[in-house]
Amino acid sequence: MNLVAALMVAALIPAPTPVAPEYVALGDSYAAGVGAHREGCGRSPAAHPELFAAARGLSLVFAACTGATTVEVVEQTSRITPETSLVTVTVGGNDAGFADVMKTCALGSDSTCEARVVTAERFIRDELPARLGRVEQAVRARTSAPVVVLGYPRLFEPGGGLCLMTPNQRVALNRAADLLDETVEEWAGSSGFTFGDVRETFAGHGVCGRDPWVNSVSIPVSHSYHPNATGHRSGYLPVLERVAPEVPTRASASRS
């Protein structure tokens, strides 16, 4: 084959097509978007993984599911593939008994609430780190891609004002949220993951505030005490955009 013929053949071979990087979102209802919309597994088109994938041009594998504990998040890692370029995860709240803590405080006295929060805090200190470690092992068994761990907001604005929770209950619940975030952040750092702290972006927008980004008691009840659509867009998304690395597109193999 002469040079001219070779060039003509090369010109007929299609160039590789850019493929959107694969992004896998793992986690519980705070990642799925419960409180922002209602869909299967609580996944919402208004959730921050959907918004982030659209903004970055990523192909989203949305594995997060309401009610997920570390056990279920380990199972979710089966959605990670060799093509995965980025993973995000939010986990730990359900292991610590988030739903039961909120129910106890909403229906009980300050002392009952405090006792239940203390029990949850003991679990967070003593048992949660080992459970989080199993999530790290499951993720790293499947990928070396960057992993971003997103935390939880403080749910309540402090002080007086008309609110289902008393000021003392709000203080106790926010204290537990801080401990949970600190524990998750320490785990993320020791695992080589990046931690995204959303407490600052949510500050001033908790339940009992004038402009809440977190639902109070809602219908359906499962949406209660979860970020609303504004919380995902203005609370979670800016943090994820700031801490997540840029992921280059990859080229698909051309076929003749």
Foldseek 3Di string as FASTA:
>chain_A
DDPVVVVVVVVPFDDFDWDAQEEEEEEALLQQAQLADDDPLNHDCLFQVNVQCVVQVHHYDYQYGHLDALVVRLVSLVPFAARHAEYEYEHDCNVLPVVVLVVQQLPHDLVSSLVSLVSSLVCLVPPRLVSVVSSLVSNVVHDPHAYEYEADELADDADDADDSGHNSSSVSSSVSSVSNLVSVCVSCVVSVHHYFYQHVQQPQAHPRHPHHQQADCDVVRSSHRHGYSCCRVRRVNVRCVVTPDRGDIDTDDTDD
